[in-house]
PDB file of N, CA and C in Angstrom:
ATOM      1  N   MET A   1      -0.809   8.983  17.817  1.00  0.00           N
ATOM      2  CA  MET A   1       0.543   8.393  17.525  1.00  0.00           C
ATOM      3  C   MET A   1       1.091   8.547  16.257  1.00  0.00           C
ATOM      4  N   SER A   2       2.312   8.710  16.226  1.00  0.00           N
ATOM      5  CA  SER A   2       3.032   8.807  14.793  1.00  0.00           C
ATOM      6  C   SER A   2       3.165   7.539  13.980  1.00  0.00           C
ATOM      7  N   ARG A   3       3.089   7.653  12.723  1.00  0.00           N
ATOM      8  CA  ARG A   3       3.466   6.359  12.026  1.00  0.00           C
ATOM      9  C   ARG A   3       4.827   5.797  12.115  1.00  0.00           C
ATOM     10  N   LYS A   4       5.060   4.667  11.941  1.00  0.00           N
ATOM     11  CA  LYS A   4       6.265   4.208  11.977  1.00  0.00           C
ATOM     12  C   LYS A   4       6.637   3.258  10.475  1.00  0.00           C
ATOM     13  N   PRO A   5       7.038   4.054   9.502  1.00  0.00           N
ATOM     14  CA  PRO A   5       7.335   3.344   8.243  1.00  0.00           C
ATOM     15  C   PRO A   5       8.713   2.543   8.275  1.00  0.00           C
ATOM     16  N   ALA A   6       8.793   1.801   7.376  1.00  0.00           N
ATOM     17  CA  ALA A   6       9.975   0.941   6.992  1.00  0.00           C
ATOM     18  C   ALA A   6      10.831   1.753   6.115  1.00  0.00           C
ATOM     19  N   CYS A   7      12.114   1.409   6.148  1.00  0.00           N
ATOM     20  CA  CYS A   7      13.017   2.256   5.342  1.00  0.00           C
ATOM     21  C   CYS A   7      12.719   2.074   3.856  1.00  0.00           C
ATOM     22  N   TRP A   8      12.023   1.187   3.318  1.00  0.00           N
ATOM     23  CA  TRP A   8      11.801   0.945   2.045  1.00  0.00           C
ATOM     24  C   TRP A   8      10.590   1.636   1.497  1.00  0.00           C
ATOM     25  N   MET A   9       9.800   2.091   2.615  1.00  0.00           N
ATOM     26  CA  MET A   9       8.518   2.761   2.260  1.00  0.00           C
ATOM     27  C   MET A   9       8.714   4.048   1.633  1.00  0.00           C
ATOM     28  N   CYS A  10       7.889   4.685   0.948  1.00  0.00           N
ATOM     29  CA  CYS A  10       7.832   5.944   0.128  1.00  0.00           C
ATOM     30  C   CYS A  10       6.532   6.668   0.492  1.00  0.00           C
ATOM     31  N   SER A  11       6.312   8.029   0.232  1.00  0.00           N
ATOM     32  CA  SER A  11       5.158   8.746   0.551  1.00  0.00           C
ATOM     33  C   SER A  11       4.046   8.174  -0.237  1.00  0.00           C
ATOM     34  N   LEU A  12       4.377   7.704  -1.291  1.00  0.00           N
ATOM     35  CA  LEU A  12       3.178   7.055  -2.275  1.00  0.00           C
ATOM     36  C   LEU A  12       2.372   5.990  -1.472  1.00  0.00           C
ATOM     37  N   ASP A  13       3.122   5.160  -0.652  1.00  0.00           N
ATOM     38  CA  ASP A  13       2.609   4.123  -0.017  1.00  0.00           C
ATOM     39  C   ASP A  13       1.684   4.489   0.935  1.00  0.00           C
ATOM     40  N   GLU A  14       1.964   5.662   1.681  1.00  0.00           N
ATOM     41  CA  GLU A  14       1.027   6.180   2.837  1.00  0.00           C
ATOM     42  C   GLU A  14      -0.262   6.698   2.067  1.00  0.00           C
ATOM     43  N   ARG A  15       0.010   7.406   0.864  1.00  0.00           N
ATOM     44  CA  ARG A  15      -1.162   7.976   0.217  1.00  0.00           C
ATOM     45  C   ARG A  15      -2.155   6.821  -0.208  1.00  0.00           C
ATOM     46  N   ILE A  16      -1.444   5.634  -0.735  1.00  0.00           N
ATOM     47  CA  ILE A  16      -2.284   4.569  -1.146  1.00  0.00           C
ATOM     48  C   ILE A  16      -3.125   4.112   0.019  1.00  0.00           C
ATOM     49  N   LEU A  17      -2.332   3.665   1.257  1.00  0.00           N
ATOM     50  CA  LEU A  17      -3.173   3.307   2.473  1.00  0.00           C
ATOM     51  C   LEU A  17      -4.134   4.266   2.766  1.00  0.00           C
ATOM     52  N   GLU A  18      -3.931   5.637   2.944  1.00  0.00           N
ATOM     53  CA  GLU A  18      -4.982   6.495   3.226  1.00  0.00           C
ATOM     54  C   GLU A  18      -6.088   6.514   2.407  1.00  0.00           C
ATOM     55  N   HIS A  19      -5.823   6.341   1.156  1.00  0.00           N
ATOM     56  CA  HIS A  19      -7.018   6.258   0.244  1.00  0.00           C
ATOM     57  C   HIS A  19      -7.852   4.952   0.450  1.00  0.00           C
ATOM     58  N   LEU A  20      -7.221   3.739   0.460  1.00  0.00           N
ATOM     59  CA  LEU A  20      -7.930   2.516   0.803  1.00  0.00           C
ATOM     60  C   LEU A  20      -8.601   2.513   2.228  1.00  0.00           C
ATOM     61  N   SER A  21      -8.265   3.407   3.114  1.00  0.00           N
ATOM     62  CA  SER A  21      -8.816   3.446   4.443  1.00  0.00           C
ATOM     63  C   SER A  21     -10.106   4.196   4.331  1.00  0.00           C
ATOM     64  N   GLU A  22     -10.115   5.097   3.368  1.00  0.00           N
ATOM     65  CA  GLU A  22     -11.449   5.950   3.161  1.00  0.00           C
ATOM     66  C   GLU A  22     -12.342   5.291   2.252  1.00  0.00           C
ATOM     67  N   ASP A  23     -11.932   4.534   1.126  1.00  0.00           N
ATOM     68  CA  ASP A  23     -12.742   3.788   0.314  1.00  0.00           C
ATOM     69  C   ASP A  23     -12.518   2.216   0.698  1.00  0.00           C
ATOM     70  N   SER A  24     -13.669   1.435   0.366  1.00  0.00           N
ATOM     71  CA  SER A  24     -13.558   0.008   0.820  1.00  0.00           C
ATOM     72  C   SER A  24     -12.578  -0.746  -0.128  1.00  0.00           C
ATOM     73  N   TRP A  25     -12.477  -0.230  -1.366  1.00  0.00           N
ATOM     74  CA  TRP A  25     -11.326  -0.859  -2.163  1.00  0.00           C
ATOM     75  C   TRP A  25     -11.326  -0.013  -3.487  1.00  0.00           C
ATOM     76  N   SER A  26     -10.119  -0.194  -4.197  1.00  0.00           N
ATOM     77  CA  SER A  26      -9.788   0.735  -5.408  1.00  0.00           C
ATOM     78  C   SER A  26      -8.687  -0.166  -6.195  1.00  0.00           C
ATOM     79  N   THR A  27      -8.765   0.397  -7.419  1.00  0.00           N
ATOM     80  CA  THR A  27      -7.654  -0.111  -8.236  1.00  0.00           C
ATOM     81  C   THR A  27      -6.516   0.867  -8.639  1.00  0.00           C
ATOM     82  N   PRO A  28      -5.346   0.353  -8.808  1.00  0.00           N
ATOM     83  CA  PRO A  28      -4.237   1.286  -9.325  1.00  0.00           C
ATOM     84  C   PRO A  28      -4.455   2.460 -10.257  1.00  0.00           C
ATOM     85  N   ARG A  29      -5.346   2.076 -11.138  1.00  0.00           N
ATOM     86  CA  ARG A  29      -5.884   2.956 -12.255  1.00  0.00           C
ATOM     87  C   ARG A  29      -6.702   4.153 -11.582  1.00  0.00           C
ATOM     88  N   HIS A  30      -7.613   3.736 -10.758  1.00  0.00           N
ATOM     89  CA  HIS A  30      -8.501   4.846 -10.171  1.00  0.00           C
ATOM     90  C   HIS A  30      -7.567   5.495  -9.344  1.00  0.00           C
ATOM     91  N   MET A  31      -6.792   5.093  -8.459  1.00  0.00           N
ATOM     92  CA  MET A  31      -5.927   5.890  -7.601  1.00  0.00           C
ATOM     93  C   MET A  31      -5.118   6.829  -8.340  1.00  0.00           C
ATOM     94  N   SER A  32      -4.544   6.337  -9.523  1.00  0.00           N
ATOM     95  CA  SER A  32      -3.570   7.342 -10.000  1.00  0.00           C
ATOM     96  C   SER A  32      -4.292   8.423 -10.883  1.00  0.00           C
ATOM     97  N   GLN A  33      -5.520   8.167 -11.134  1.00  0.00           N
ATOM     98  CA  GLN A  33      -6.368   9.331 -11.987  1.00  0.00           C
ATOM     99  C   GLN A  33      -7.196   9.995 -11.025  1.00  0.00           C
ATOM    100  N   ALA A  34      -8.089   9.560 -10.294  1.00  0.00           N
ATOM    101  CA  ALA A  34      -9.074  10.149  -9.569  1.00  0.00           C
ATOM    102  C   ALA A  34      -8.566  10.731  -8.157  1.00  0.00           C
ATOM    103  N   VAL A  35      -7.453   9.916  -7.624  1.00  0.00           N
ATOM    104  CA  VAL A  35      -7.074  10.395  -6.344  1.00  0.00           C
ATOM    105  C   VAL A  35      -5.992  11.402  -6.394  1.00  0.00           C
ATOM    106  N   LYS A  36      -5.392  11.667  -7.602  1.00  0.00           N
ATOM    107  CA  LYS A  36      -4.330  12.436  -8.046  1.00  0.00           C
ATOM    108  C   LYS A  36      -2.988  12.128  -7.111  1.00  0.00           C
ATOM    109  N   LEU A  37      -2.764  10.939  -7.057  1.00  0.00           N
ATOM    110  CA  LEU A  37      -1.345  10.486  -6.512  1.00  0.00           C
ATOM    111  C   LEU A  37      -0.229  10.982  -7.035  1.00  0.00           C
ATOM    112  N   THR A  38      -0.331  11.758  -8.143  1.00  0.00           N
ATOM    113  CA  THR A  38       1.040  12.094  -8.995  1.00  0.00           C
ATOM    114  C   THR A  38       1.902  10.951  -9.378  1.00  0.00           C
ATOM    115  N   ALA A  39       1.437   9.838  -9.538  1.00  0.00           N
ATOM    116  CA  ALA A  39       2.091   8.584  -9.927  1.00  0.00           C
ATOM    117  C   ALA A  39       1.378   7.877 -11.101  1.00  0.00           C
ATOM    118  N   SER A  40       1.956   7.303 -11.898  1.00  0.00           N
ATOM    119  CA  SER A  40       1.492   6.442 -13.002  1.00  0.00           C
ATOM    120  C   SER A  40       0.766   5.424 -12.407  1.00  0.00           C
ATOM    121  N   ARG A  41      -0.303   4.831 -13.166  1.00  0.00           N
ATOM    122  CA  ARG A  41      -0.901   3.525 -12.829  1.00  0.00           C
ATOM    123  C   ARG A  41      -0.125   2.487 -12.686  1.00  0.00           C
ATOM    124  N   GLY A  42       1.080   2.234 -13.418  1.00  0.00           N
ATOM    125  CA  GLY A  42       1.927   1.316 -13.072  1.00  0.00           C
ATOM    126  C   GLY A  42       2.753   1.495 -12.049  1.00  0.00           C
ATOM    127  N   ARG A  43       3.126   2.672 -11.569  1.00  0.00           N
ATOM    128  CA  ARG A  43       3.834   2.777 -10.234  1.00  0.00           C
ATOM    129  C   ARG A  43       2.891   2.513  -9.030  1.00  0.00           C
ATOM    130  N   VAL A  44       1.925   2.912  -9.129  1.00  0.00           N
ATOM    131  CA  VAL A  44       0.745   2.645  -8.015  1.00  0.00           C
ATOM    132  C   VAL A  44       0.499   1.271  -7.916  1.00  0.00           C
ATOM    133  N   GLU A  45       0.277   0.535  -9.190  1.00  0.00           N
ATOM    134  CA  GLU A  45       0.419  -1.008  -9.068  1.00  0.00           C
ATOM    135  C   GLU A  45       1.449  -1.634  -8.558  1.00  0.00           C
ATOM    136  N   GLU A  46       2.786  -1.250  -8.813  1.00  0.00           N
ATOM    137  CA  GLU A  46       3.989  -1.647  -8.215  1.00  0.00           C
ATOM    138  C   GLU A  46       3.927  -1.634  -6.784  1.00  0.00           C
ATOM    139  N   ARG A  47       3.517  -0.430  -6.134  1.00  0.00           N
ATOM    140  CA  ARG A  47       3.335  -0.223  -4.823  1.00  0.00           C
ATOM    141  C   ARG A  47       2.308  -0.924  -4.227  1.00  0.00           C
ATOM    142  N   CYS A  48       1.450  -1.198  -4.681  1.00  0.00           N
ATOM    143  CA  CYS A  48       0.140  -2.076  -4.155  1.00  0.00           C
ATOM    144  C   CYS A  48       0.743  -3.607  -4.000  1.00  0.00           C
ATOM    145  N   GLN A  49       1.397  -3.904  -5.020  1.00  0.00           N
ATOM    146  CA  GLN A  49       1.851  -5.378  -5.035  1.00  0.00           C
ATOM    147  C   GLN A  49       2.935  -5.487  -3.780  1.00  0.00           C
ATOM    148  N   LEU A  50       3.781  -4.334  -3.726  1.00  0.00           N
ATOM    149  CA  LEU A  50       4.625  -4.445  -2.614  1.00  0.00           C
ATOM    150  C   LEU A  50       3.896  -4.542  -1.199  1.00  0.00           C
ATOM    151  N   LEU A  51       3.103  -3.551  -1.183  1.00  0.00           N
ATOM    152  CA  LEU A  51       2.431  -3.392   0.216  1.00  0.00           C
ATOM    153  C   LEU A  51       1.498  -4.744   0.408  1.00  0.00           C
ATOM    154  N   SER A  52       1.080  -5.431  -0.676  1.00  0.00           N
ATOM    155  CA  SER A  52       0.559  -6.649  -0.496  1.00  0.00           C
ATOM    156  C   SER A  52       1.484  -7.767  -0.036  1.00  0.00           C
ATOM    157  N   GLN A  53       2.556  -7.712  -0.415  1.00  0.00           N
ATOM    158  CA  GLN A  53       3.669  -8.728  -0.052  1.00  0.00           C
ATOM    159  C   GLN A  53       3.869  -8.678   1.553  1.00  0.00           C
ATOM    160  N   VAL A  54       3.673  -7.234   2.051  1.00  0.00           N
ATOM    161  CA  VAL A  54       4.009  -7.216   3.615  1.00  0.00           C
ATOM    162  C   VAL A  54       2.764  -7.216   4.343  1.00  0.00           C
ATOM    163  N   GLY A  55       1.490  -7.491   3.704  1.00  0.00           N
ATOM    164  CA  GLY A  55       0.244  -7.641   4.481  1.00  0.00           C
ATOM    165  C   GLY A  55      -0.401  -6.220   4.752  1.00  0.00           C
ATOM    166  N   LEU A  56      -0.075  -5.117   4.314  1.00  0.00           N
ATOM    167  CA  LEU A  56      -0.579  -3.942   4.554  1.00  0.00           C
ATOM    168  C   LEU A  56      -1.898  -3.621   3.638  1.00  0.00           C
ATOM    169  N   VAL A  57      -1.946  -4.219   2.407  1.00  0.00           N
ATOM    170  CA  VAL A  57      -3.223  -4.156   1.519  1.00  0.00           C
ATOM    171  C   VAL A  57      -3.216  -5.587   0.926  1.00  0.00           C
ATOM    172  N   ALA A  58      -4.402  -6.059   0.414  1.00  0.00           N
ATOM    173  CA  ALA A  58      -4.654  -7.327  -0.178  1.00  0.00           C
ATOM    174  C   ALA A  58      -5.538  -7.020  -1.311  1.00  0.00           C
ATOM    175  N   PRO A  59      -5.308  -7.979  -2.496  1.00  0.00           N
ATOM    176  CA  PRO A  59      -6.156  -8.100  -3.593  1.00  0.00           C
ATOM    177  C   PRO A  59      -7.653  -8.542  -3.032  1.00  0.00           C
ATOM    178  N   ILE A  60      -8.752  -8.001  -3.423  1.00  0.00           N
ATOM    179  CA  ILE A  60      -9.988  -8.319  -3.168  1.00  0.00           C
ATOM    180  C   ILE A  60     -10.197  -9.906  -3.492  1.00  0.00           C
ATOM    181  N   PHE A  61      -9.591 -10.254  -4.745  1.00  0.00           N
ATOM    182  CA  PHE A  61      -9.751 -11.587  -5.362  1.00  0.00           C
ATOM    183  C   PHE A  61      -8.425 -12.075  -5.793  1.00  0.00           C
ATOM    184  N   GLU A  62      -8.061 -13.274  -5.691  1.00  0.00           N
ATOM    185  CA  GLU A  62      -6.880 -13.778  -6.056  1.00  0.00           C
ATOM    186  C   GLU A  62      -6.460 -13.306  -7.667  1.00  0.00           C
ATOM    187  N   ASP A  63      -5.147 -12.786  -7.573  1.00  0.00           N
ATOM    188  CA  ASP A  63      -4.648 -12.318  -8.929  1.00  0.00           C
ATOM    189  C   ASP A  63      -5.561 -11.097  -9.586  1.00  0.00           C
ATOM    190  N   SER A  64      -6.276 -10.265  -8.527  1.00  0.00           N
ATOM    191  CA  SER A  64      -6.917  -9.261  -8.939  1.00  0.00           C
ATOM    192  C   SER A  64      -6.161  -7.917  -8.804  1.00  0.00           C
ATOM    193  N   ASN A  65      -6.429  -6.813  -9.486  1.00  0.00           N
ATOM    194  CA  ASN A  65      -5.869  -5.525  -9.379  1.00  0.00           C
ATOM    195  C   ASN A  65      -6.786  -4.526  -8.537  1.00  0.00           C
ATOM    196  N   MET A  66      -7.711  -5.126  -7.779  1.00  0.00           N
ATOM    197  CA  MET A  66      -8.510  -4.489  -6.954  1.00  0.00           C
ATOM    198  C   MET A  66      -7.984  -4.564  -5.585  1.00  0.00           C
ATOM    199  N   TYR A  67      -7.775  -3.614  -4.751  1.00  0.00           N
ATOM    200  CA  TYR A  67      -7.118  -3.803  -3.494  1.00  0.00           C
ATOM    201  C   TYR A  67      -7.976  -3.159  -2.453  1.00  0.00           C
ATOM    202  N   GLU A  68      -7.720  -3.774  -1.255  1.00  0.00           N
ATOM    203  CA  GLU A  68      -8.329  -3.136   0.155  1.00  0.00           C
ATOM    204  C   GLU A  68      -7.354  -3.034   0.977  1.00  0.00           C
ATOM    205  N   ILE A  69      -7.459  -2.151   2.047  1.00  0.00           N
ATOM    206  CA  ILE A  69      -6.627  -2.147   3.190  1.00  0.00           C
ATOM    207  C   ILE A  69      -6.749  -3.301   4.186  1.00  0.00           C
ATOM    208  N   THR A  70      -5.758  -3.940   4.826  1.00  0.00           N
ATOM    209  CA  THR A  70      -5.769  -4.958   5.778  1.00  0.00           C
ATOM    210  C   THR A  70      -5.968  -4.307   7.017  1.00  0.00           C
ATOM    211  N   TRP A  71      -6.214  -5.196   8.029  1.00  0.00           N
ATOM    212  CA  TRP A  71      -6.117  -4.779   9.541  1.00  0.00           C
ATOM    213  C   TRP A  71      -4.863  -4.200   9.928  1.00  0.00           C
ATOM    214  N   GLU A  72      -3.871  -4.829   9.436  1.00  0.00           N
ATOM    215  CA  GLU A  72      -2.378  -4.433   9.656  1.00  0.00           C
ATOM    216  C   GLU A  72      -2.164  -3.039   9.056  1.00  0.00           C
ATOM    217  N   GLY A  73      -2.644  -2.706   7.895  1.00  0.00           N
ATOM    218  CA  GLY A  73      -2.591  -1.500   7.120  1.00  0.00           C
ATOM    219  C   GLY A  73      -3.173  -0.401   8.029  1.00  0.00           C
ATOM    220  N   GLN A  74      -4.327  -0.724   8.521  1.00  0.00           N
ATOM    221  CA  GLN A  74      -5.228   0.212   9.283  1.00  0.00           C
ATOM    222  C   GLN A  74      -4.362   0.551  10.703  1.00  0.00           C
ATOM    223  N   GLU A  75      -3.739  -0.504  11.269  1.00  0.00           N
ATOM    224  CA  GLU A  75      -2.981  -0.287  12.395  1.00  0.00           C
ATOM    225  C   GLU A  75      -1.824   0.629  12.113  1.00  0.00           C
ATOM    226  N   TYR A  76      -1.125   0.494  10.966  1.00  0.00           N
ATOM    227  CA  TYR A  76       0.026   1.256  10.676  1.00  0.00           C
ATOM    228  C   TYR A  76      -0.552   2.784  10.602  1.00  0.00           C
ATOM    229  N   LEU A  77      -1.640   2.859   9.875  1.00  0.00           N
ATOM    230  CA  LEU A  77      -2.088   4.405   9.778  1.00  0.00           C
ATOM    231  C   LEU A  77      -2.440   4.978  11.010  1.00  0.00           C
ATOM    232  N   ASP A  78      -2.893   4.157  11.986  1.00  0.00           N
ATOM    233  CA  ASP A  78      -3.156   4.584  13.234  1.00  0.00           C
ATOM    234  C   ASP A  78      -2.055   4.676  14.210  1.00  0.00           C
ATOM    235  N   GLY A  79      -0.836   4.449  13.790  1.00  0.00           N
ATOM    236  CA  GLY A  79       0.464   4.509  14.369  1.00  0.00           C
ATOM    237  C   GLY A  79       0.706   3.368  15.412  1.00  0.00           C
ATOM    238  N   GLU A  80      -0.182   2.203  15.247  1.00  0.00           N
ATOM    239  CA  GLU A  80      -0.074   1.239  16.173  1.00  0.00           C
ATOM    240  C   GLU A  80       0.958   0.060  15.667  1.00  0.00           C
ATOM    241  N   LEU A  81       1.315   0.160  14.403  1.00  0.00           N
ATOM    242  CA  LEU A  81       2.215  -1.021  13.856  1.00  0.00           C
ATOM    243  C   LEU A  81       3.489  -0.476  13.435  1.00  0.00           C
ATOM    244  N   ASP A  82       4.749  -0.813  13.654  1.00  0.00           N
ATOM    245  CA  ASP A  82       5.951  -0.441  13.243  1.00  0.00           C
ATOM    246  C   ASP A  82       6.128  -1.381  11.952  1.00  0.00           C
ATOM    247  N   VAL A  83       6.166  -0.720  10.850  1.00  0.00           N
ATOM    248  CA  VAL A  83       6.440  -1.735   9.580  1.00  0.00           C
ATOM    249  C   VAL A  83       7.720  -2.136   9.394  1.00  0.00           C
ATOM    250  N   GLU A  84       8.807  -1.482  10.145  1.00  0.00           N
ATOM    251  CA  GLU A  84      10.071  -2.018  10.099  1.00  0.00           C
ATOM    252  C   GLU A  84      10.270  -3.406  10.713  1.00  0.00           C
ATOM    253  N   ASN A  85       9.456  -3.747  11.566  1.00  0.00           N
ATOM    254  CA  ASN A  85       9.455  -5.004  12.209  1.00  0.00           C
ATOM    255  C   ASN A  85       8.622  -5.976  11.513  1.00  0.00           C
ATOM    256  N   ARG A  86       8.155  -5.700  10.203  1.00  0.00           N
ATOM    257  CA  ARG A  86       7.507  -6.698   9.516  1.00  0.00           C
ATOM    258  C   ARG A  86       8.520  -7.258   8.504  1.00  0.00           C
ATOM    259  N   PRO A  87       8.184  -8.466   7.986  1.00  0.00           N
ATOM    260  CA  PRO A  87       9.091  -9.131   6.956  1.00  0.00           C
ATOM    261  C   PRO A  87       9.117  -8.134   5.761  1.00  0.00           C
ATOM    262  N   LYS A  88      10.337  -7.915   5.373  1.00  0.00           N
ATOM    263  CA  LYS A  88      10.695  -6.971   4.130  1.00  0.00           C
ATOM    264  C   LYS A  88      10.014  -7.645   2.844  1.00  0.00           C
ATOM    265  N   PRO A  89       9.774  -6.818   1.818  1.00  0.00           N
ATOM    266  CA  PRO A  89       9.294  -7.464   0.516  1.00  0.00           C
ATOM    267  C   PRO A  89      10.352  -7.941  -0.139  1.00  0.00           C
ATOM    268  N   SER A  90      10.144  -8.783  -1.055  1.00  0.00           N
ATOM    269  CA  SER A  90      11.400  -9.347  -1.832  1.00  0.00           C
ATOM    270  C   SER A  90      12.238  -8.434  -2.553  1.00  0.00           C
ATOM    271  N   ALA A  91      13.542  -8.495  -2.522  1.00  0.00           N
ATOM    272  CA  ALA A  91      14.517  -7.628  -3.172  1.00  0.00           C
ATOM    273  C   ALA A  91      14.062  -7.290  -4.604  1.00  0.00           C
ATOM    274  N   GLN A  92      13.608  -8.145  -5.287  1.00  0.00           N
ATOM    275  CA  GLN A  92      13.321  -8.101  -6.718  1.00  0.00           C
ATOM    276  C   GLN A  92      12.122  -7.061  -6.865  1.00  0.00           C
ATOM    277  N   THR A  93      11.072  -7.063  -6.088  1.00  0.00           N
ATOM    278  CA  THR A  93      10.163  -6.077  -5.871  1.00  0.00           C
ATOM    279  C   THR A  93      10.749  -4.757  -5.556  1.00  0.00           C
ATOM    280  N   LEU A  94      11.614  -4.716  -4.548  1.00  0.00           N
ATOM    281  CA  LEU A  94      12.093  -3.404  -4.067  1.00  0.00           C
ATOM    282  C   LEU A  94      12.899  -2.762  -5.265  1.00  0.00           C
ATOM    283  N   HIS A  95      13.322  -3.435  -6.043  1.00  0.00           N
ATOM    284  CA  HIS A  95      14.299  -2.743  -7.207  1.00  0.00           C
ATOM    285  C   HIS A  95      13.575  -2.693  -8.373  1.00  0.00           C
ATOM    286  N   SER A  96      12.137  -3.071  -8.583  1.00  0.00           N
ATOM    287  CA  SER A  96      11.563  -2.817  -9.750  1.00  0.00           C
ATOM    288  C   SER A  96      11.104  -1.480 -10.015  1.00  0.00           C
TER     289      SER A  96
END
């Protein structure tokens, strides 16, 4: 099945989800350096926070910068979840 991204998503979001699907958890710093996402640590962290708002990833601990993929995030990767039908992240997060 093909993935159904939301209009606010970018290719970096998919790379983050794919990485977290392969590893049990990761940090934005690790993803930006070791995984070669061609994005800064800050940019990866922003996208992780956004993905967390819509339930595709979650911090391992409250207020942590260590993230893991959620069941919904895995469903999206498997083409079983249309993210456009999920609640949108806050406008402030989208414009940051």
